[in-house]
Amino acid sequence: RQVALGAVALLVVNLLGVAIPLQVRGVVNGLQEGFSLAAVLRQALL
């Protein structure tokens, strides 16, 4: 049970580890096209 929970937790960690750079990519690309500070702050908070 502990091993299974640990594996699920690792899966969540790695999914987030893949999602965060994609989120950063979207923010950086958004800065090139013009941006609003409120939108950037929301993305940064996320």
ModelCIF file with pLDDT and N, C-alpha, C, O atoms, coordinates in Angstrom:
data_MODEL
#
_entry.id   MODEL 
#
_entity.id                         1 
_entity.type                       polymer 
_entity.pdbx_number_of_molecules   1 
#
_entity_poly.entity_id                      1 
_entity_poly.type                           'polypeptide(L)' 
_entity_poly.nstd_linkage                   no 
_entity_poly.nstd_monomer                   no 
_entity_poly.pdbx_seq_one_letter_code       RQVALGAVALLVVNLLGVAIPLQVRGVVNGLQEGFSLAAVLRQALL 
_entity_poly.pdbx_seq_one_letter_code_can   RQVALGAVALLVVNLLGVAIPLQVRGVVNGLQEGFSLAAVLRQALL 
_entity_poly.pdbx_strand_id                 A 
#
loop_
_entity_poly_seq.entity_id 
_entity_poly_seq.num 
_entity_poly_seq.mon_id 
_entity_poly_seq.hetero 
1 1  ARG n 
1 2  GLN n 
1 3  VAL n 
1 4  ALA n 
1 5  LEU n 
1 6  GLY n 
1 7  ALA n 
1 8  VAL n 
1 9  ALA n 
1 10 LEU n 
1 11 LEU n 
1 12 VAL n 
1 13 VAL n 
1 14 ASN n 
1 15 LEU n 
1 16 LEU n 
1 17 GLY n 
1 18 VAL n 
1 19 ALA n 
1 20 ILE n 
1 21 PRO n 
1 22 LEU n 
1 23 GLN n 
1 24 VAL n 
1 25 ARG n 
1 26 GLY n 
1 27 VAL n 
1 28 VAL n 
1 29 ASN n 
1 30 GLY n 
1 31 LEU n 
1 32 GLN n 
1 33 GLU n 
1 34 GLY n 
1 35 PHE n 
1 36 SER n 
1 37 LEU n 
1 38 ALA n 
1 39 ALA n 
1 40 VAL n 
1 41 LEU n 
1 42 ARG n 
1 43 GLN n 
1 44 ALA n 
1 45 LEU n 
1 46 LEU n 
#
_struct_asym.id          A 
_struct_asym.entity_id   1 
#
loop_
_ma_qa_metric.id 
_ma_qa_metric.mode 
_ma_qa_metric.name 
_ma_qa_metric.software_group_id 
_ma_qa_metric.type 
1 global pLDDT . pLDDT 
2 local  pLDDT . pLDDT 
#
_ma_qa_metric_global.metric_id      1 
_ma_qa_metric_global.metric_value   85.50 
_ma_qa_metric_global.model_id       1 
_ma_qa_metric_global.ordinal_id     1 
#
loop_
_ma_qa_metric_local.label_asym_id 
_ma_qa_metric_local.label_comp_id 
_ma_qa_metric_local.label_seq_id 
_ma_qa_metric_local.metric_id 
_ma_qa_metric_local.metric_value 
_ma_qa_metric_local.model_id 
_ma_qa_metric_local.ordinal_id 
A ARG 1  2 88.00 1 1  
A GLN 2  2 88.00 1 2  
A VAL 3  2 86.00 1 3  
A ALA 4  2 88.00 1 4  
A LEU 5  2 91.00 1 5  
A GLY 6  2 88.00 1 6  
A ALA 7  2 88.00 1 7  
A VAL 8  2 92.00 1 8  
A ALA 9  2 91.00 1 9  
A LEU 10 2 90.00 1 10 
A LEU 11 2 92.00 1 11 
A VAL 12 2 93.00 1 12 
A VAL 13 2 92.00 1 13 
A ASN 14 2 91.00 1 14 
A LEU 15 2 93.00 1 15 
A LEU 16 2 93.00 1 16 
A GLY 17 2 90.00 1 17 
A VAL 18 2 91.00 1 18 
A ALA 19 2 92.00 1 19 
A ILE 20 2 91.00 1 20 
A PRO 21 2 91.00 1 21 
A LEU 22 2 89.00 1 22 
A GLN 23 2 90.00 1 23 
A VAL 24 2 89.00 1 24 
A ARG 25 2 87.00 1 25 
A GLY 26 2 85.00 1 26 
A VAL 27 2 84.00 1 27 
A VAL 28 2 84.00 1 28 
A ASN 29 2 81.00 1 29 
A GLY 30 2 79.00 1 30 
A LEU 31 2 78.00 1 31 
A GLN 32 2 67.00 1 32 
A GLU 33 2 64.00 1 33 
A GLY 34 2 64.00 1 34 
A PHE 35 2 68.00 1 35 
A SER 36 2 75.00 1 36 
A LEU 37 2 78.00 1 37 
A ALA 38 2 81.00 1 38 
A ALA 39 2 81.00 1 39 
A VAL 40 2 81.00 1 40 
A LEU 41 2 86.00 1 41 
A ARG 42 2 87.00 1 42 
A GLN 43 2 86.00 1 43 
A ALA 44 2 87.00 1 44 
A LEU 45 2 92.00 1 45 
A LEU 46 2 91.00 1 46 
#
loop_
_atom_site.group_PDB 
_atom_site.id 
_atom_site.type_symbol 
_atom_site.label_atom_id 
_atom_site.label_alt_id 
_atom_site.label_comp_id 
_atom_site.label_asym_id 
_atom_site.label_entity_id 
_atom_site.label_seq_id 
_atom_site.pdbx_PDB_ins_code 
_atom_site.Cartn_x 
_atom_site.Cartn_y 
_atom_site.Cartn_z 
_atom_site.occupancy 
_atom_site.B_iso_or_equiv 
_atom_site.pdbx_formal_charge 
_atom_site.auth_seq_id 
_atom_site.auth_comp_id 
_atom_site.auth_asym_id 
_atom_site.auth_atom_id 
_atom_site.pdbx_PDB_model_num 
ATOM 1   N N  . ARG A 1 1  ? 0.841  -1.209 0.000   1.00 88.00 ? 1  ARG A N  1 
ATOM 2   C CA . ARG A 1 1  ? 0.000  0.000  0.000   1.00 88.00 ? 1  ARG A CA 1 
ATOM 3   C C  . ARG A 1 1  ? 0.869  1.250  0.000   1.00 88.00 ? 1  ARG A C  1 
ATOM 4   O O  . ARG A 1 1  ? 0.621  2.188  -0.757  1.00 88.00 ? 1  ARG A O  1 
ATOM 5   N N  . GLN A 1 2  ? 1.902  1.256  0.864   1.00 88.00 ? 2  GLN A N  1 
ATOM 6   C CA . GLN A 1 2  ? 2.798  2.404  0.892   1.00 88.00 ? 2  GLN A CA 1 
ATOM 7   C C  . GLN A 1 2  ? 3.563  2.550  -0.416  1.00 88.00 ? 2  GLN A C  1 
ATOM 8   O O  . GLN A 1 2  ? 3.749  3.659  -0.916  1.00 88.00 ? 2  GLN A O  1 
ATOM 9   N N  . VAL A 1 3  ? 4.008  1.417  -0.969  1.00 86.00 ? 3  VAL A N  1 
ATOM 10  C CA . VAL A 1 3  ? 4.752  1.460  -2.233  1.00 86.00 ? 3  VAL A CA 1 
ATOM 11  C C  . VAL A 1 3  ? 3.858  2.004  -3.342  1.00 86.00 ? 3  VAL A C  1 
ATOM 12  O O  . VAL A 1 3  ? 4.297  2.829  -4.144  1.00 86.00 ? 3  VAL A O  1 
ATOM 13  N N  . ALA A 1 4  ? 2.601  1.545  -3.391  1.00 88.00 ? 4  ALA A N  1 
ATOM 14  C CA . ALA A 1 4  ? 1.669  2.013  -4.426  1.00 88.00 ? 4  ALA A CA 1 
ATOM 15  C C  . ALA A 1 4  ? 1.411  3.507  -4.282  1.00 88.00 ? 4  ALA A C  1 
ATOM 16  O O  . ALA A 1 4  ? 1.412  4.235  -5.275  1.00 88.00 ? 4  ALA A O  1 
ATOM 17  N N  . LEU A 1 5  ? 1.189  3.971  -3.047  1.00 91.00 ? 5  LEU A N  1 
ATOM 18  C CA . LEU A 1 5  ? 0.976  5.399  -2.824  1.00 91.00 ? 5  LEU A CA 1 
ATOM 19  C C  . LEU A 1 5  ? 2.207  6.208  -3.209  1.00 91.00 ? 5  LEU A C  1 
ATOM 20  O O  . LEU A 1 5  ? 2.098  7.299  -3.769  1.00 91.00 ? 5  LEU A O  1 
ATOM 21  N N  . GLY A 1 6  ? 3.387  5.657  -2.900  1.00 88.00 ? 6  GLY A N  1 
ATOM 22  C CA . GLY A 1 6  ? 4.630  6.333  -3.285  1.00 88.00 ? 6  GLY A CA 1 
ATOM 23  C C  . GLY A 1 6  ? 4.774  6.442  -4.787  1.00 88.00 ? 6  GLY A C  1 
ATOM 24  O O  . GLY A 1 6  ? 5.222  7.468  -5.298  1.00 88.00 ? 6  GLY A O  1 
ATOM 25  N N  . ALA A 1 7  ? 4.387  5.362  -5.516  1.00 88.00 ? 7  ALA A N  1 
ATOM 26  C CA . ALA A 1 7  ? 4.464  5.390  -6.981  1.00 88.00 ? 7  ALA A CA 1 
ATOM 27  C C  . ALA A 1 7  ? 3.491  6.411  -7.561  1.00 88.00 ? 7  ALA A C  1 
ATOM 28  O O  . ALA A 1 7  ? 3.830  7.136  -8.496  1.00 88.00 ? 7  ALA A O  1 
ATOM 29  N N  . VAL A 1 8  ? 2.276  6.467  -7.002  1.00 92.00 ? 8  VAL A N  1 
ATOM 30  C CA . VAL A 1 8  ? 1.291  7.459  -7.459  1.00 92.00 ? 8  VAL A CA 1 
ATOM 31  C C  . VAL A 1 8  ? 1.814  8.869  -7.194  1.00 92.00 ? 8  VAL A C  1 
ATOM 32  O O  . VAL A 1 8  ? 1.679  9.750  -8.043  1.00 92.00 ? 8  VAL A O  1 
ATOM 33  N N  . ALA A 1 9  ? 2.406  9.084  -6.030  1.00 91.00 ? 9  ALA A N  1 
ATOM 34  C CA . ALA A 1 9  ? 2.954  10.401 -5.709  1.00 91.00 ? 9  ALA A CA 1 
ATOM 35  C C  . ALA A 1 9  ? 4.068  10.783 -6.683  1.00 91.00 ? 9  ALA A C  1 
ATOM 36  O O  . ALA A 1 9  ? 4.150  11.932 -7.117  1.00 91.00 ? 9  ALA A O  1 
ATOM 37  N N  . LEU A 1 10 ? 4.930  9.813  -7.027  1.00 90.00 ? 10 LEU A N  1 
ATOM 38  C CA . LEU A 1 10 ? 5.995  10.093 -7.998  1.00 90.00 ? 10 LEU A CA 1 
ATOM 39  C C  . LEU A 1 10 ? 5.419  10.431 -9.363  1.00 90.00 ? 10 LEU A C  1 
ATOM 40  O O  . LEU A 1 10 ? 5.945  11.292 -10.068 1.00 90.00 ? 10 LEU A O  1 
ATOM 41  N N  . LEU A 1 11 ? 4.338  9.754  -9.738  1.00 92.00 ? 11 LEU A N  1 
ATOM 42  C CA . LEU A 1 11 ? 3.694  10.052 -11.017 1.00 92.00 ? 11 LEU A CA 1 
ATOM 43  C C  . LEU A 1 11 ? 3.165  11.486 -11.034 1.00 92.00 ? 11 LEU A C  1 
ATOM 44  O O  . LEU A 1 11 ? 3.316  12.202 -12.023 1.00 92.00 ? 11 LEU A O  1 
ATOM 45  N N  . VAL A 1 12 ? 2.543  11.895 -9.927  1.00 93.00 ? 12 VAL A N  1 
ATOM 46  C CA . VAL A 1 12 ? 2.041  13.268 -9.825  1.00 93.00 ? 12 VAL A CA 1 
ATOM 47  C C  . VAL A 1 12 ? 3.199  14.265 -9.911  1.00 93.00 ? 12 VAL A C  1 
ATOM 48  O O  . VAL A 1 12 ? 3.091  15.281 -10.597 1.00 93.00 ? 12 VAL A O  1 
ATOM 49  N N  . VAL A 1 13 ? 4.297  13.981 -9.223  1.00 92.00 ? 13 VAL A N  1 
ATOM 50  C CA . VAL A 1 13 ? 5.470  14.860 -9.241  1.00 92.00 ? 13 VAL A CA 1 
ATOM 51  C C  . VAL A 1 13 ? 5.991  15.026 -10.668 1.00 92.00 ? 13 VAL A C  1 
ATOM 52  O O  . VAL A 1 13 ? 6.295  16.139 -11.097 1.00 92.00 ? 13 VAL A O  1 
ATOM 53  N N  . ASN A 1 14 ? 6.089  13.929 -11.390 1.00 91.00 ? 14 ASN A N  1 
ATOM 54  C CA . ASN A 1 14 ? 6.646  13.998 -12.747 1.00 91.00 ? 14 ASN A CA 1 
ATOM 55  C C  . ASN A 1 14 ? 5.678  14.652 -13.729 1.00 91.00 ? 14 ASN A C  1 
ATOM 56  O O  . ASN A 1 14 ? 6.103  15.332 -14.662 1.00 91.00 ? 14 ASN A O  1 
ATOM 57  N N  . LEU A 1 15 ? 4.385  14.448 -13.523 1.00 93.00 ? 15 LEU A N  1 
ATOM 58  C CA . LEU A 1 15 ? 3.407  15.150 -14.365 1.00 93.00 ? 15 LEU A CA 1 
ATOM 59  C C  . LEU A 1 15 ? 3.501  16.658 -14.158 1.00 93.00 ? 15 LEU A C  1 
ATOM 60  O O  . LEU A 1 15 ? 3.477  17.424 -15.122 1.00 93.00 ? 15 LEU A O  1 
ATOM 61  N N  . LEU A 1 16 ? 3.607  17.076 -12.917 1.00 93.00 ? 16 LEU A N  1 
ATOM 62  C CA . LEU A 1 16 ? 3.779  18.504 -12.636 1.00 93.00 ? 16 LEU A CA 1 
ATOM 63  C C  . LEU A 1 16 ? 5.111  19.013 -13.171 1.00 93.00 ? 16 LEU A C  1 
ATOM 64  O O  . LEU A 1 16 ? 5.212  20.141 -13.652 1.00 93.00 ? 16 LEU A O  1 
ATOM 65  N N  . GLY A 1 17 ? 6.154  18.142 -13.076 1.00 90.00 ? 17 GLY A N  1 
ATOM 66  C CA . GLY A 1 17 ? 7.459  18.531 -13.596 1.00 90.00 ? 17 GLY A CA 1 
ATOM 67  C C  . GLY A 1 17 ? 7.448  18.752 -15.099 1.00 90.00 ? 17 GLY A C  1 
ATOM 68  O O  . GLY A 1 17 ? 8.231  19.554 -15.608 1.00 90.00 ? 17 GLY A O  1 
ATOM 69  N N  . VAL A 1 18 ? 6.582  18.062 -15.812 1.00 91.00 ? 18 VAL A N  1 
ATOM 70  C CA . VAL A 1 18 ? 6.432  18.263 -17.264 1.00 91.00 ? 18 VAL A CA 1 
ATOM 71  C C  . VAL A 1 18 ? 5.539  19.471 -17.541 1.00 91.00 ? 18 VAL A C  1 
ATOM 72  O O  . VAL A 1 18 ? 5.773  20.214 -18.494 1.00 91.00 ? 18 VAL A O  1 
ATOM 73  N N  . ALA A 1 19 ? 4.521  19.664 -16.712 1.00 92.00 ? 19 ALA A N  1 
ATOM 74  C CA . ALA A 1 19 ? 3.549  20.736 -16.962 1.00 92.00 ? 19 ALA A CA 1 
ATOM 75  C C  . ALA A 1 19 ? 4.129  22.124 -16.690 1.00 92.00 ? 19 ALA A C  1 
ATOM 76  O O  . ALA A 1 19 ? 3.804  23.075 -17.400 1.00 92.00 ? 19 ALA A O  1 
ATOM 77  N N  . ILE A 1 20 ? 4.977  22.250 -15.678 1.00 91.00 ? 20 ILE A N  1 
ATOM 78  C CA . ILE A 1 20 ? 5.499  23.575 -15.316 1.00 91.00 ? 20 ILE A CA 1 
ATOM 79  C C  . ILE A 1 20 ? 6.301  24.216 -16.450 1.00 91.00 ? 20 ILE A C  1 
ATOM 80  O O  . ILE A 1 20 ? 6.043  25.377 -16.764 1.00 91.00 ? 20 ILE A O  1 
ATOM 81  N N  . PRO A 1 21 ? 7.273  23.521 -17.092 1.00 91.00 ? 21 PRO A N  1 
ATOM 82  C CA . PRO A 1 21 ? 7.978  24.152 -18.218 1.00 91.00 ? 21 PRO A CA 1 
ATOM 83  C C  . PRO A 1 21 ? 7.042  24.560 -19.361 1.00 91.00 ? 21 PRO A C  1 
ATOM 84  O O  . PRO A 1 21 ? 7.266  25.591 -19.994 1.00 91.00 ? 21 PRO A O  1 
ATOM 85  N N  . LEU A 1 22 ? 6.001  23.772 -19.634 1.00 89.00 ? 22 LEU A N  1 
ATOM 86  C CA . LEU A 1 22 ? 5.041  24.140 -20.674 1.00 89.00 ? 22 LEU A CA 1 
ATOM 87  C C  . LEU A 1 22 ? 4.307  25.416 -20.286 1.00 89.00 ? 22 LEU A C  1 
ATOM 88  O O  . LEU A 1 22 ? 4.030  26.270 -21.127 1.00 89.00 ? 22 LEU A O  1 
ATOM 89  N N  . GLN A 1 23 ? 3.995  25.530 -18.991 1.00 90.00 ? 23 GLN A N  1 
ATOM 90  C CA . GLN A 1 23 ? 3.340  26.743 -18.518 1.00 90.00 ? 23 GLN A CA 1 
ATOM 91  C C  . GLN A 1 23 ? 4.283  27.940 -18.648 1.00 90.00 ? 23 GLN A C  1 
ATOM 92  O O  . GLN A 1 23 ? 3.854  29.032 -19.022 1.00 90.00 ? 23 GLN A O  1 
ATOM 93  N N  . VAL A 1 24 ? 5.571  27.736 -18.337 1.00 89.00 ? 24 VAL A N  1 
ATOM 94  C CA . VAL A 1 24 ? 6.566  28.800 -18.484 1.00 89.00 ? 24 VAL A CA 1 
ATOM 95  C C  . VAL A 1 24 ? 6.689  29.197 -19.955 1.00 89.00 ? 24 VAL A C  1 
ATOM 96  O O  . VAL A 1 24 ? 6.787  30.382 -20.275 1.00 89.00 ? 24 VAL A O  1 
ATOM 97  N N  . ARG A 1 25 ? 6.685  28.215 -20.839 1.00 87.00 ? 25 ARG A N  1 
ATOM 98  C CA . ARG A 1 25 ? 6.764  28.509 -22.278 1.00 87.00 ? 25 ARG A CA 1 
ATOM 99  C C  . ARG A 1 25 ? 5.628  29.432 -22.697 1.00 87.00 ? 25 ARG A C  1 
ATOM 100 O O  . ARG A 1 25 ? 5.843  30.402 -23.424 1.00 87.00 ? 25 ARG A O  1 
ATOM 101 N N  . GLY A 1 26 ? 4.419  29.127 -22.235 1.00 85.00 ? 26 GLY A N  1 
ATOM 102 C CA . GLY A 1 26 ? 3.281  29.966 -22.594 1.00 85.00 ? 26 GLY A CA 1 
ATOM 103 C C  . GLY A 1 26 ? 3.431  31.396 -22.096 1.00 85.00 ? 26 GLY A C  1 
ATOM 104 O O  . GLY A 1 26 ? 3.079  32.344 -22.799 1.00 85.00 ? 26 GLY A O  1 
ATOM 105 N N  . VAL A 1 27 ? 3.962  31.554 -20.865 1.00 84.00 ? 27 VAL A N  1 
ATOM 106 C CA . VAL A 1 27 ? 4.152  32.899 -20.304 1.00 84.00 ? 27 VAL A CA 1 
ATOM 107 C C  . VAL A 1 27 ? 5.184  33.676 -21.119 1.00 84.00 ? 27 VAL A C  1 
ATOM 108 O O  . VAL A 1 27 ? 4.960  34.832 -21.479 1.00 84.00 ? 27 VAL A O  1 
ATOM 109 N N  . VAL A 1 28 ? 6.320  33.030 -21.405 1.00 84.00 ? 28 VAL A N  1 
ATOM 110 C CA . VAL A 1 28 ? 7.395  33.715 -22.149 1.00 84.00 ? 28 VAL A CA 1 
ATOM 111 C C  . VAL A 1 28 ? 6.921  34.098 -23.542 1.00 84.00 ? 28 VAL A C  1 
ATOM 112 O O  . VAL A 1 28 ? 7.165  35.215 -23.998 1.00 84.00 ? 28 VAL A O  1 
ATOM 113 N N  . ASN A 1 29 ? 6.250  33.182 -24.215 1.00 81.00 ? 29 ASN A N  1 
ATOM 114 C CA . ASN A 1 29 ? 5.747  33.498 -25.553 1.00 81.00 ? 29 ASN A CA 1 
ATOM 115 C C  . ASN A 1 29 ? 4.707  34.619 -25.498 1.00 81.00 ? 29 ASN A C  1 
ATOM 116 O O  . ASN A 1 29 ? 4.624  35.443 -26.409 1.00 81.00 ? 29 ASN A O  1 
ATOM 117 N N  . GLY A 1 30 ? 3.917  34.644 -24.423 1.00 79.00 ? 30 GLY A N  1 
ATOM 118 C CA . GLY A 1 30 ? 2.929  35.714 -24.269 1.00 79.00 ? 30 GLY A CA 1 
ATOM 119 C C  . GLY A 1 30 ? 3.568  37.070 -24.085 1.00 79.00 ? 30 GLY A C  1 
ATOM 120 O O  . GLY A 1 30 ? 3.000  38.083 -24.493 1.00 79.00 ? 30 GLY A O  1 
ATOM 121 N N  . LEU A 1 31 ? 4.763  37.107 -23.464 1.00 78.00 ? 31 LEU A N  1 
ATOM 122 C CA . LEU A 1 31 ? 5.458  38.370 -23.265 1.00 78.00 ? 31 LEU A CA 1 
ATOM 123 C C  . LEU A 1 31 ? 5.908  38.989 -24.585 1.00 78.00 ? 31 LEU A C  1 
ATOM 124 O O  . LEU A 1 31 ? 6.009  40.211 -24.692 1.00 78.00 ? 31 LEU A O  1 
ATOM 125 N N  . GLN A 1 32 ? 6.181  38.153 -25.597 1.00 67.00 ? 32 GLN A N  1 
ATOM 126 C CA . GLN A 1 32 ? 6.640  38.654 -26.885 1.00 67.00 ? 32 GLN A CA 1 
ATOM 127 C C  . GLN A 1 32 ? 5.519  39.371 -27.645 1.00 67.00 ? 32 GLN A C  1 
ATOM 128 O O  . GLN A 1 32 ? 5.784  40.275 -28.438 1.00 67.00 ? 32 GLN A O  1 
ATOM 129 N N  . GLU A 1 33 ? 4.305  38.978 -27.410 1.00 64.00 ? 33 GLU A N  1 
ATOM 130 C CA . GLU A 1 33 ? 3.182  39.485 -28.205 1.00 64.00 ? 33 GLU A CA 1 
ATOM 131 C C  . GLU A 1 33 ? 2.454  40.634 -27.513 1.00 64.00 ? 33 GLU A C  1 
ATOM 132 O O  . GLU A 1 33 ? 1.409  41.089 -27.979 1.00 64.00 ? 33 GLU A O  1 
ATOM 133 N N  . GLY A 1 34 ? 3.006  41.092 -26.415 1.00 64.00 ? 34 GLY A N  1 
ATOM 134 C CA . GLY A 1 34 ? 2.295  42.089 -25.618 1.00 64.00 ? 34 GLY A CA 1 
ATOM 135 C C  . GLY A 1 34 ? 1.540  41.398 -24.507 1.00 64.00 ? 34 GLY A C  1 
ATOM 136 O O  . GLY A 1 34 ? 0.993  40.313 -24.708 1.00 64.00 ? 34 GLY A O  1 
ATOM 137 N N  . PHE A 1 35 ? 1.502  42.006 -23.342 1.00 68.00 ? 35 PHE A N  1 
ATOM 138 C CA . PHE A 1 35 ? 0.937  41.302 -22.190 1.00 68.00 ? 35 PHE A CA 1 
ATOM 139 C C  . PHE A 1 35 ? 0.332  42.294 -21.210 1.00 68.00 ? 35 PHE A C  1 
ATOM 140 O O  . PHE A 1 35 ? 0.594  43.496 -21.249 1.00 68.00 ? 35 PHE A O  1 
ATOM 141 N N  . SER A 1 36 ? -0.489 41.733 -20.329 1.00 75.00 ? 36 SER A N  1 
ATOM 142 C CA . SER A 1 36 ? -1.006 42.521 -19.207 1.00 75.00 ? 36 SER A CA 1 
ATOM 143 C C  . SER A 1 36 ? -0.380 41.998 -17.924 1.00 75.00 ? 36 SER A C  1 
ATOM 144 O O  . SER A 1 36 ? -0.203 40.793 -17.751 1.00 75.00 ? 36 SER A O  1 
ATOM 145 N N  . LEU A 1 37 ? -0.046 42.922 -17.028 1.00 78.00 ? 37 LEU A N  1 
ATOM 146 C CA . LEU A 1 37 ? 0.624  42.529 -15.778 1.00 78.00 ? 37 LEU A CA 1 
ATOM 147 C C  . LEU A 1 37 ? -0.246 41.581 -14.967 1.00 78.00 ? 37 LEU A C  1 
ATOM 148 O O  . LEU A 1 37 ? 0.261  40.648 -14.344 1.00 78.00 ? 37 LEU A O  1 
ATOM 149 N N  . ALA A 1 38 ? -1.535 41.811 -14.971 1.00 81.00 ? 38 ALA A N  1 
ATOM 150 C CA . ALA A 1 38 ? -2.431 40.957 -14.190 1.00 81.00 ? 38 ALA A CA 1 
ATOM 151 C C  . ALA A 1 38 ? -2.401 39.516 -14.688 1.00 81.00 ? 38 ALA A C  1 
ATOM 152 O O  . ALA A 1 38 ? -2.417 38.573 -13.896 1.00 81.00 ? 38 ALA A O  1 
ATOM 153 N N  . ALA A 1 39 ? -2.357 39.355 -16.021 1.00 81.00 ? 39 ALA A N  1 
ATOM 154 C CA . ALA A 1 39 ? -2.319 37.996 -16.603 1.00 81.00 ? 39 ALA A CA 1 
ATOM 155 C C  . ALA A 1 39 ? -1.007 37.300 -16.248 1.00 81.00 ? 39 ALA A C  1 
ATOM 156 O O  . ALA A 1 39 ? -0.990 36.114 -15.921 1.00 81.00 ? 39 ALA A O  1 
ATOM 157 N N  . VAL A 1 40 ? 0.096  38.059 -16.317 1.00 81.00 ? 40 VAL A N  1 
ATOM 158 C CA . VAL A 1 40 ? 1.407  37.471 -15.975 1.00 81.00 ? 40 VAL A CA 1 
ATOM 159 C C  . VAL A 1 40 ? 1.436  37.057 -14.506 1.00 81.00 ? 40 VAL A C  1 
ATOM 160 O O  . VAL A 1 40 ? 1.948  35.993 -14.158 1.00 81.00 ? 40 VAL A O  1 
ATOM 161 N N  . LEU A 1 41 ? 0.879  37.916 -13.649 1.00 86.00 ? 41 LEU A N  1 
ATOM 162 C CA . LEU A 1 41 ? 0.876  37.585 -12.224 1.00 86.00 ? 41 LEU A CA 1 
ATOM 163 C C  . LEU A 1 41 ? 0.032  36.342 -11.947 1.00 86.00 ? 41 LEU A C  1 
ATOM 164 O O  . LEU A 1 41 ? 0.385  35.509 -11.112 1.00 86.00 ? 41 LEU A O  1 
ATOM 165 N N  . ARG A 1 42 ? -1.100 36.231 -12.672 1.00 87.00 ? 42 ARG A N  1 
ATOM 166 C CA . ARG A 1 42 ? -1.932 35.035 -12.498 1.00 87.00 ? 42 ARG A CA 1 
ATOM 167 C C  . ARG A 1 42 ? -1.162 33.782 -12.921 1.00 87.00 ? 42 ARG A C  1 
ATOM 168 O O  . ARG A 1 42 ? -1.203 32.756 -12.242 1.00 87.00 ? 42 ARG A O  1 
ATOM 169 N N  . GLN A 1 43 ? -0.462 33.881 -14.051 1.00 86.00 ? 43 GLN A N  1 
ATOM 170 C CA . GLN A 1 43 ? 0.335  32.742 -14.529 1.00 86.00 ? 43 GLN A CA 1 
ATOM 171 C C  . GLN A 1 43 ? 1.470  32.408 -13.546 1.00 86.00 ? 43 GLN A C  1 
ATOM 172 O O  . GLN A 1 43 ? 1.759  31.242 -13.274 1.00 86.00 ? 43 GLN A O  1 
ATOM 173 N N  . ALA A 1 44 ? 2.098  33.464 -13.028 1.00 87.00 ? 44 ALA A N  1 
ATOM 174 C CA . ALA A 1 44 ? 3.198  33.246 -12.068 1.00 87.00 ? 44 ALA A CA 1 
ATOM 175 C C  . ALA A 1 44 ? 2.679  32.577 -10.800 1.00 87.00 ? 44 ALA A C  1 
ATOM 176 O O  . ALA A 1 44 ? 3.315  31.675 -10.253 1.00 87.00 ? 44 ALA A O  1 
ATOM 177 N N  . LEU A 1 45 ? 1.503  33.036 -10.338 1.00 92.00 ? 45 LEU A N  1 
ATOM 178 C CA . LEU A 1 45 ? 0.914  32.425 -9.147  1.00 92.00 ? 45 LEU A CA 1 
ATOM 179 C C  . LEU A 1 45 ? 0.578  30.957 -9.391  1.00 92.00 ? 45 LEU A C  1 
ATOM 180 O O  . LEU A 1 45 ? 0.760  30.120 -8.507  1.00 92.00 ? 45 LEU A O  1 
ATOM 181 N N  . LEU A 1 46 ? 0.087  30.645 -10.593 1.00 91.00 ? 46 LEU A N  1 
ATOM 182 C CA . LEU A 1 46 ? -0.215 29.255 -10.934 1.00 91.00 ? 46 LEU A CA 1 
ATOM 183 C C  . LEU A 1 46 ? 1.048  28.400 -10.931 1.00 91.00 ? 46 LEU A C  1 
ATOM 184 O O  . LEU A 1 46 ? 0.982  27.200 -11.197 1.00 91.00 ? 46 LEU A O  1 
#
